C-alpha atoms as a PDB file:
ATOM      1  CA  MET A   1      62.715 118.023  82.885  1.00  0.00           C
ATOM      2  CA  ALA A   2      59.755 116.943  80.852  1.00  0.00           C
ATOM      3  CA  GLY A   3      60.481 113.797  79.581  1.00  0.00           C
ATOM      4  CA  LEU A   4      63.894 113.437  81.595  1.00  0.00           C
ATOM      5  CA  GLN A   5      64.279 110.305  84.292  1.00  0.00           C
ATOM      6  CA  ARG A   6      66.453 109.285  86.952  1.00  0.00           C
ATOM      7  CA  ALA A   7      68.119 105.912  87.265  1.00  0.00           C
ATOM      8  CA  HIS A   8      70.199 105.355  90.654  1.00  0.00           C
ATOM      9  CA  ILE A   9      71.997 102.413  90.179  1.00  0.00           C
ATOM     10  CA  ILE A  10      74.070 100.214  92.347  1.00  0.00           C
ATOM     11  CA  VAL A  11      76.516  98.087  90.770  1.00  0.00           C
ATOM     12  CA  ARG A  12      77.766  94.830  92.899  1.00  0.00           C
ATOM     13  CA  GLY A  13      80.964  92.517  91.937  1.00  0.00           C
ATOM     14  CA  ARG A  14      84.333  93.211  90.918  1.00  0.00           C
ATOM     15  CA  VAL A  15      83.869  96.827  89.587  1.00  0.00           C
ATOM     16  CA  GLN A  16      86.503  98.965  91.516  1.00  0.00           C
ATOM     17  CA  GLY A  17      90.010  99.057  90.663  1.00  0.00           C
ATOM     18  CA  VAL A  18      88.994  97.824  86.933  1.00  0.00           C
ATOM     19  CA  PHE A  19      88.364 101.718  85.293  1.00  0.00           C
ATOM     20  CA  PHE A  20      84.565 101.382  85.881  1.00  0.00           C
ATOM     21  CA  ARG A  21      84.010 104.813  86.738  1.00  0.00           C
ATOM     22  CA  ALA A  22      86.282 106.015  83.787  1.00  0.00           C
ATOM     23  CA  HIS A  23      84.152 103.890  81.231  1.00  0.00           C
ATOM     24  CA  THR A  24      81.109 104.759  82.998  1.00  0.00           C
ATOM     25  CA  ALA A  25      81.660 108.545  82.367  1.00  0.00           C
ATOM     26  CA  GLU A  26      83.206 107.952  78.766  1.00  0.00           C
ATOM     27  CA  MET A  27      79.799 105.871  77.967  1.00  0.00           C
ATOM     28  CA  ALA A  28      77.257 108.374  79.796  1.00  0.00           C
ATOM     29  CA  ARG A  29      78.693 111.221  78.009  1.00  0.00           C
ATOM     30  CA  ALA A  30      78.901 109.961  74.785  1.00  0.00           C
ATOM     31  CA  VAL A  31      75.037 109.336  74.608  1.00  0.00           C
ATOM     32  CA  GLY A  32      74.248 112.749  76.542  1.00  0.00           C
ATOM     33  CA  LEU A  33      73.226 111.588  79.754  1.00  0.00           C
ATOM     34  CA  THR A  34      74.089 113.748  82.973  1.00  0.00           C
ATOM     35  CA  GLY A  35      74.935 112.739  86.620  1.00  0.00           C
ATOM     36  CA  SER A  36      77.951 110.792  88.630  1.00  0.00           C
ATOM     37  CA  VAL A  37      79.542 107.759  89.256  1.00  0.00           C
ATOM     38  CA  ARG A  38      81.435 106.989  92.577  1.00  0.00           C
ATOM     39  CA  ASN A  39      82.904 104.093  94.434  1.00  0.00           C
ATOM     40  CA  CYS A  40      81.259 103.264  97.953  1.00  0.00           C
ATOM     41  CA  PRO A  41      82.885 101.660 100.946  1.00  0.00           C
ATOM     42  CA  ASP A  42      81.314  98.457 100.528  1.00  0.00           C
ATOM     43  CA  GLY A  43      82.856  97.785  97.064  1.00  0.00           C
ATOM     44  CA  SER A  44      80.059  98.633  94.907  1.00  0.00           C
ATOM     45  CA  VAL A  45      80.057 101.575  92.544  1.00  0.00           C
ATOM     46  CA  GLU A  46      76.875 104.045  92.775  1.00  0.00           C
ATOM     47  CA  ILE A  47      75.600 105.684  89.566  1.00  0.00           C
ATOM     48  CA  VAL A  48      73.204 108.703  89.311  1.00  0.00           C
ATOM     49  CA  ALA A  49      72.321 108.989  85.657  1.00  0.00           C
ATOM     50  CA  GLU A  50      69.554 111.591  84.136  1.00  0.00           C
ATOM     51  CA  GLY A  51      68.151 111.684  80.394  1.00  0.00           C
ATOM     52  CA  PRO A  52      65.511 109.986  78.543  1.00  0.00           C
ATOM     53  CA  LYS A  53      64.321 106.799  79.334  1.00  0.00           C
ATOM     54  CA  GLU A  54      65.209 105.300  75.707  1.00  0.00           C
ATOM     55  CA  THR A  55      68.774 106.780  76.617  1.00  0.00           C
ATOM     56  CA  LEU A  56      68.598 105.338  79.965  1.00  0.00           C
ATOM     57  CA  GLU A  57      67.660 101.869  79.125  1.00  0.00           C
ATOM     58  CA  PRO A  58      70.809 101.315  76.808  1.00  0.00           C
ATOM     59  CA  PHE A  59      73.266 102.572  79.662  1.00  0.00           C
ATOM     60  CA  LEU A  60      71.629 100.590  82.342  1.00  0.00           C
ATOM     61  CA  GLU A  61      71.765  97.239  79.875  1.00  0.00           C
ATOM     62  CA  TRP A  62      75.608  98.434  79.677  1.00  0.00           C
ATOM     63  CA  CYS A  63      76.228  99.160  83.594  1.00  0.00           C
ATOM     64  CA  ARG A  64      74.790  95.343  83.729  1.00  0.00           C
ATOM     65  CA  HIS A  65      78.284  94.281  82.102  1.00  0.00           C
ATOM     66  CA  GLY A  66      80.787  96.854  82.533  1.00  0.00           C
ATOM     67  CA  PRO A  67      84.102  97.295  80.965  1.00  0.00           C
ATOM     68  CA  PRO A  68      86.353  94.299  80.062  1.00  0.00           C
ATOM     69  CA  LEU A  69      88.514  93.755  83.512  1.00  0.00           C
ATOM     70  CA  ALA A  70      84.919  93.921  85.405  1.00  0.00           C
ATOM     71  CA  HIS A  71      82.835  91.208  86.415  1.00  0.00           C
ATOM     72  CA  VAL A  72      79.240  92.518  87.310  1.00  0.00           C
ATOM     73  CA  VAL A  73      77.384  90.371  89.820  1.00  0.00           C
ATOM     74  CA  THR A  74      74.522  92.543  90.032  1.00  0.00           C
ATOM     75  CA  ALA A  75      73.211  96.338  88.919  1.00  0.00           C
ATOM     76  CA  GLU A  76      70.343  97.111  91.297  1.00  0.00           C
ATOM     77  CA  VAL A  77      68.143 100.102  89.217  1.00  0.00           C
ATOM     78  CA  ARG A  78      65.458 102.755  91.350  1.00  0.00           C
ATOM     79  CA  TRP A  79      63.693 104.838  89.016  1.00  0.00           C
ATOM     80  CA  GLU A  80      63.465 108.369  90.326  1.00  0.00           C
ATOM     81  CA  VAL A  81      61.975 111.870  88.917  1.00  0.00           C
ATOM     82  CA  ALA A  82      65.048 113.908  87.337  1.00  0.00           C
ATOM     83  CA  ALA A  83      66.318 116.617  89.477  1.00  0.00           C
ATOM     84  CA  GLY A  84      68.657 118.377  86.834  1.00  0.00           C
ATOM     85  CA  GLU A  85      71.371 119.061  89.267  1.00  0.00           C
ATOM     86  CA  PHE A  86      74.183 117.791  87.166  1.00  0.00           C
ATOM     87  CA  PRO A  87      75.130 120.008  84.344  1.00  0.00           C
ATOM     88  CA  THR A  88      77.383 116.978  82.855  1.00  0.00           C
ATOM     89  CA  PHE A  89      78.407 113.629  83.699  1.00  0.00           C
ATOM     90  CA  ILE A  90      81.053 113.450  86.360  1.00  0.00           C
ATOM     91  CA  ILE A  91      83.341 110.840  88.425  1.00  0.00           C
ATOM     92  CA  ALA A  92      83.098 111.845  92.348  1.00  0.00           C
END
C-alpha cells in the first residue's frame, strides 16, 4: 500500500442519468485505479478511488468536468489512507 492514496469524491450537478458512473469507471480502469462509483439518493455521485497520487490528481480533474452530457457544479475531495479493499474499479 506504500505510495497509494484514496480520494473520496462527491460530485454534484447534473451527474445522474448522463452515464457519469460508466464513464468514471472506464476512465479509472484505463489509468489503473481501483475503487467504486455510485449514485447517491440526493442526486450526487460518490467516487472512491485508490492509486498513486500522480494518477489520482488527473482523474480528479476529469471528475470536475465529467462526460459530455454532465454538468458538474462541484467535486469535493477528501484525501484518505488507501485501504486496498477493491480489486478493480466497480460501479456500485
